[in-house]
Amino acid sequence: MRKETTGTVISVSKQWWLKINTKVIRKGPMDGAVFPHIIKVSYIVDGKEYTGKKWISAGTPVPIEGGSVKVVYNDDAPTKAEILY
């Protein structure tokens, strides 16, 4: 059975090695560059703390560190969770 809980964002890291150029013609190397992010989320199920990661594509707003996100997990395997953002 799928259940839902709230998780807390514990870290946000930018993937500097994967630059996406949004402009066709640029004036400098970082002009129009956006980067994807990886967020690490901590959530609690039945008194036990779990962590999970989610890759967020370039150009999508990123949650702030300490913010809350929705986490959906299976009752029998809470380590396999889906972070909804």
N, C-alpha and C. Protein backbone atom coordinates (compact mmCIF):
# COMPACT_ATOMS: atom_id res chain seq x y z
N MET A 1 0.84 -1.17 0.00
CA MET A 1 0.00 0.00 0.00
C MET A 1 0.89 1.24 0.00
N ARG A 2 0.54 2.21 -0.80
CA ARG A 2 1.32 3.44 -0.90
C ARG A 2 0.84 4.43 0.16
N LYS A 3 1.81 5.01 0.86
CA LYS A 3 1.52 6.02 1.86
C LYS A 3 2.32 7.27 1.55
N GLU A 4 1.96 8.34 2.25
CA GLU A 4 2.56 9.64 1.98
C GLU A 4 3.04 10.26 3.29
N THR A 5 4.17 10.95 3.22
CA THR A 5 4.71 11.68 4.36
C THR A 5 5.39 12.95 3.85
N THR A 6 5.85 13.75 4.78
CA THR A 6 6.56 14.98 4.42
C THR A 6 8.04 14.81 4.75
N GLY A 7 8.87 15.19 3.81
CA GLY A 7 10.31 15.10 4.01
C GLY A 7 10.94 16.49 4.07
N THR A 8 12.14 16.55 4.60
CA THR A 8 12.87 17.81 4.73
C THR A 8 14.10 17.77 3.82
N VAL A 9 14.31 18.82 3.06
CA VAL A 9 15.46 18.92 2.18
C VAL A 9 16.69 19.19 3.05
N ILE A 10 17.67 18.29 3.01
CA ILE A 10 18.86 18.47 3.85
C ILE A 10 20.06 18.99 3.06
N SER A 11 20.06 18.82 1.74
CA SER A 11 21.14 19.41 0.93
C SER A 11 20.68 19.60 -0.51
N VAL A 12 21.22 20.64 -1.11
CA VAL A 12 20.97 20.95 -2.52
C VAL A 12 22.33 21.16 -3.16
N SER A 13 22.64 20.37 -4.18
CA SER A 13 23.94 20.53 -4.84
C SER A 13 23.74 20.72 -6.34
N LYS A 14 24.49 21.66 -6.86
CA LYS A 14 24.44 21.98 -8.29
C LYS A 14 25.43 21.09 -9.02
N GLN A 15 25.03 20.55 -10.15
CA GLN A 15 25.92 19.73 -10.97
C GLN A 15 26.66 20.64 -11.94
N TRP A 16 27.80 21.15 -11.50
CA TRP A 16 28.59 22.10 -12.29
C TRP A 16 29.12 21.50 -13.58
N TRP A 17 29.33 20.20 -13.62
CA TRP A 17 29.93 19.56 -14.78
C TRP A 17 28.94 19.39 -15.94
N LEU A 18 27.64 19.68 -15.73
CA LEU A 18 26.64 19.51 -16.77
C LEU A 18 25.97 20.86 -17.07
N LYS A 19 26.61 21.67 -17.89
CA LYS A 19 26.10 22.99 -18.21
C LYS A 19 25.15 22.91 -19.40
N ILE A 20 24.00 23.56 -19.29
CA ILE A 20 23.02 23.64 -20.37
C ILE A 20 22.98 25.09 -20.84
N ASN A 21 23.29 25.31 -22.11
CA ASN A 21 23.25 26.65 -22.68
C ASN A 21 21.84 26.95 -23.17
N THR A 22 21.28 28.08 -22.75
CA THR A 22 19.92 28.44 -23.15
C THR A 22 19.88 29.50 -24.25
N LYS A 23 21.02 30.09 -24.55
CA LYS A 23 21.08 31.10 -25.62
C LYS A 23 21.86 30.55 -26.80
N VAL A 24 21.45 30.93 -27.99
CA VAL A 24 22.14 30.48 -29.20
C VAL A 24 23.48 31.20 -29.34
N ILE A 25 23.47 32.50 -29.12
CA ILE A 25 24.69 33.30 -29.20
C ILE A 25 24.97 33.85 -27.82
N ARG A 26 26.20 33.59 -27.33
CA ARG A 26 26.55 34.01 -25.98
C ARG A 26 27.71 35.00 -26.04
N LYS A 27 27.75 35.90 -25.05
CA LYS A 27 28.84 36.87 -24.94
C LYS A 27 29.96 36.36 -24.06
N GLY A 28 29.69 35.38 -23.25
CA GLY A 28 30.70 34.82 -22.35
C GLY A 28 30.41 33.34 -22.12
N PRO A 29 31.32 32.62 -21.45
CA PRO A 29 31.13 31.18 -21.26
C PRO A 29 29.96 30.82 -20.35
N MET A 30 29.56 31.72 -19.44
CA MET A 30 28.45 31.42 -18.53
C MET A 30 27.19 32.19 -18.87
N ASP A 31 27.15 32.89 -19.98
CA ASP A 31 25.99 33.66 -20.39
C ASP A 31 24.88 32.70 -20.84
N GLY A 32 23.78 32.69 -20.13
CA GLY A 32 22.66 31.83 -20.47
C GLY A 32 22.82 30.40 -20.01
N ALA A 33 23.75 30.12 -19.11
CA ALA A 33 23.98 28.76 -18.63
C ALA A 33 23.09 28.44 -17.44
N VAL A 34 22.47 27.26 -17.46
CA VAL A 34 21.71 26.75 -16.32
C VAL A 34 22.22 25.36 -16.00
N PHE A 35 22.06 24.95 -14.76
CA PHE A 35 22.60 23.68 -14.30
C PHE A 35 21.53 22.86 -13.61
N PRO A 36 21.54 21.53 -13.76
CA PRO A 36 20.63 20.67 -12.98
C PRO A 36 21.12 20.56 -11.54
N HIS A 37 20.23 20.11 -10.66
CA HIS A 37 20.54 19.99 -9.24
C HIS A 37 20.20 18.59 -8.74
N ILE A 38 20.80 18.21 -7.63
CA ILE A 38 20.43 17.00 -6.90
C ILE A 38 20.06 17.42 -5.49
N ILE A 39 18.87 17.02 -5.04
CA ILE A 39 18.47 17.33 -3.68
C ILE A 39 18.50 16.04 -2.86
N LYS A 40 18.85 16.16 -1.61
CA LYS A 40 18.85 15.04 -0.68
C LYS A 40 17.78 15.32 0.36
N VAL A 41 16.87 14.35 0.55
CA VAL A 41 15.71 14.53 1.40
C VAL A 41 15.74 13.51 2.53
N SER A 42 15.40 13.97 3.73
CA SER A 42 15.29 13.10 4.89
C SER A 42 13.81 12.99 5.26
N TYR A 43 13.33 11.77 5.50
CA TYR A 43 11.93 11.56 5.89
C TYR A 43 11.85 10.46 6.94
N ILE A 44 10.79 10.48 7.74
CA ILE A 44 10.62 9.54 8.85
C ILE A 44 9.40 8.68 8.61
N VAL A 45 9.60 7.34 8.74
CA VAL A 45 8.52 6.37 8.60
C VAL A 45 8.57 5.46 9.83
N ASP A 46 7.50 5.44 10.59
CA ASP A 46 7.38 4.60 11.79
C ASP A 46 8.54 4.81 12.76
N GLY A 47 8.98 6.04 12.94
CA GLY A 47 10.03 6.37 13.89
C GLY A 47 11.44 6.16 13.38
N LYS A 48 11.62 5.66 12.18
CA LYS A 48 12.95 5.44 11.61
C LYS A 48 13.19 6.46 10.50
N GLU A 49 14.40 7.02 10.48
CA GLU A 49 14.74 8.05 9.51
C GLU A 49 15.37 7.44 8.26
N TYR A 50 14.90 7.89 7.11
CA TYR A 50 15.41 7.45 5.81
C TYR A 50 15.85 8.67 5.02
N THR A 51 16.72 8.46 4.03
CA THR A 51 17.12 9.54 3.13
C THR A 51 16.95 9.09 1.69
N GLY A 52 16.73 10.03 0.83
CA GLY A 52 16.58 9.76 -0.59
C GLY A 52 17.10 10.94 -1.40
N LYS A 53 17.38 10.70 -2.66
CA LYS A 53 17.88 11.74 -3.55
C LYS A 53 16.97 11.88 -4.76
N LYS A 54 16.92 13.09 -5.30
CA LYS A 54 16.15 13.34 -6.52
C LYS A 54 16.94 14.29 -7.41
N TRP A 55 16.98 13.96 -8.70
CA TRP A 55 17.63 14.79 -9.70
C TRP A 55 16.60 15.76 -10.24
N ILE A 56 16.94 17.06 -10.25
CA ILE A 56 16.03 18.09 -10.75
C ILE A 56 16.66 18.68 -12.00
N SER A 57 15.92 18.69 -13.08
CA SER A 57 16.47 19.12 -14.37
C SER A 57 16.77 20.62 -14.38
N ALA A 58 17.59 21.02 -15.33
CA ALA A 58 18.03 22.41 -15.45
C ALA A 58 16.84 23.31 -15.79
N GLY A 59 16.81 24.47 -15.16
CA GLY A 59 15.75 25.43 -15.40
C GLY A 59 14.54 25.27 -14.51
N THR A 60 14.43 24.15 -13.79
CA THR A 60 13.32 23.92 -12.88
C THR A 60 13.65 24.55 -11.53
N PRO A 61 12.69 25.23 -10.89
CA PRO A 61 12.97 25.81 -9.57
C PRO A 61 13.37 24.73 -8.56
N VAL A 62 14.32 25.07 -7.72
CA VAL A 62 14.86 24.12 -6.75
C VAL A 62 14.37 24.50 -5.36
N PRO A 63 13.95 23.52 -4.54
CA PRO A 63 13.54 23.85 -3.17
C PRO A 63 14.73 24.31 -2.33
N ILE A 64 14.44 25.12 -1.34
CA ILE A 64 15.51 25.61 -0.48
C ILE A 64 15.89 24.55 0.55
N GLU A 65 17.09 24.64 1.03
CA GLU A 65 17.56 23.71 2.06
C GLU A 65 16.77 23.98 3.34
N GLY A 66 16.21 22.93 3.92
CA GLY A 66 15.36 23.06 5.10
C GLY A 66 13.89 23.12 4.76
N GLY A 67 13.56 23.20 3.47
CA GLY A 67 12.18 23.22 3.03
C GLY A 67 11.56 21.83 3.08
N SER A 68 10.26 21.77 2.86
CA SER A 68 9.58 20.47 2.92
C SER A 68 9.09 20.05 1.54
N VAL A 69 9.11 18.74 1.29
CA VAL A 69 8.63 18.15 0.05
C VAL A 69 7.78 16.93 0.40
N LYS A 70 6.97 16.50 -0.53
CA LYS A 70 6.12 15.34 -0.33
C LYS A 70 6.87 14.07 -0.74
N VAL A 71 6.77 13.02 0.08
CA VAL A 71 7.42 11.75 -0.19
C VAL A 71 6.35 10.66 -0.18
N VAL A 72 6.32 9.85 -1.25
CA VAL A 72 5.39 8.73 -1.35
C VAL A 72 6.21 7.45 -1.29
N TYR A 73 5.82 6.52 -0.43
CA TYR A 73 6.58 5.29 -0.23
C TYR A 73 5.64 4.09 -0.13
N ASN A 74 6.20 2.90 -0.30
CA ASN A 74 5.44 1.67 -0.12
C ASN A 74 5.52 1.25 1.34
N ASP A 75 4.45 0.68 1.84
CA ASP A 75 4.39 0.24 3.23
C ASP A 75 5.43 -0.84 3.52
N ASP A 76 5.64 -1.75 2.60
CA ASP A 76 6.56 -2.86 2.83
C ASP A 76 8.02 -2.50 2.56
N ALA A 77 8.29 -1.43 1.80
CA ALA A 77 9.68 -1.02 1.50
C ALA A 77 9.79 0.50 1.54
N PRO A 78 9.92 1.10 2.74
CA PRO A 78 9.98 2.56 2.82
C PRO A 78 11.28 3.16 2.26
N THR A 79 12.30 2.32 2.03
CA THR A 79 13.53 2.86 1.45
C THR A 79 13.34 3.21 -0.03
N LYS A 80 12.40 2.58 -0.68
CA LYS A 80 12.11 2.86 -2.09
C LYS A 80 10.98 3.88 -2.14
N ALA A 81 11.36 5.14 -2.07
CA ALA A 81 10.38 6.22 -2.02
C ALA A 81 10.49 7.10 -3.27
N GLU A 82 9.40 7.77 -3.55
CA GLU A 82 9.36 8.72 -4.66
C GLU A 82 9.21 10.11 -4.07
N ILE A 83 10.14 10.98 -4.41
CA ILE A 83 10.11 12.36 -3.90
C ILE A 83 9.37 13.21 -4.92
N LEU A 84 8.27 13.80 -4.49
CA LEU A 84 7.45 14.61 -5.38
C LEU A 84 7.77 16.07 -5.17
N TYR A 85 8.24 16.68 -6.23
CA TYR A 85 8.52 18.11 -6.18
C TYR A 85 8.18 18.70 -7.53
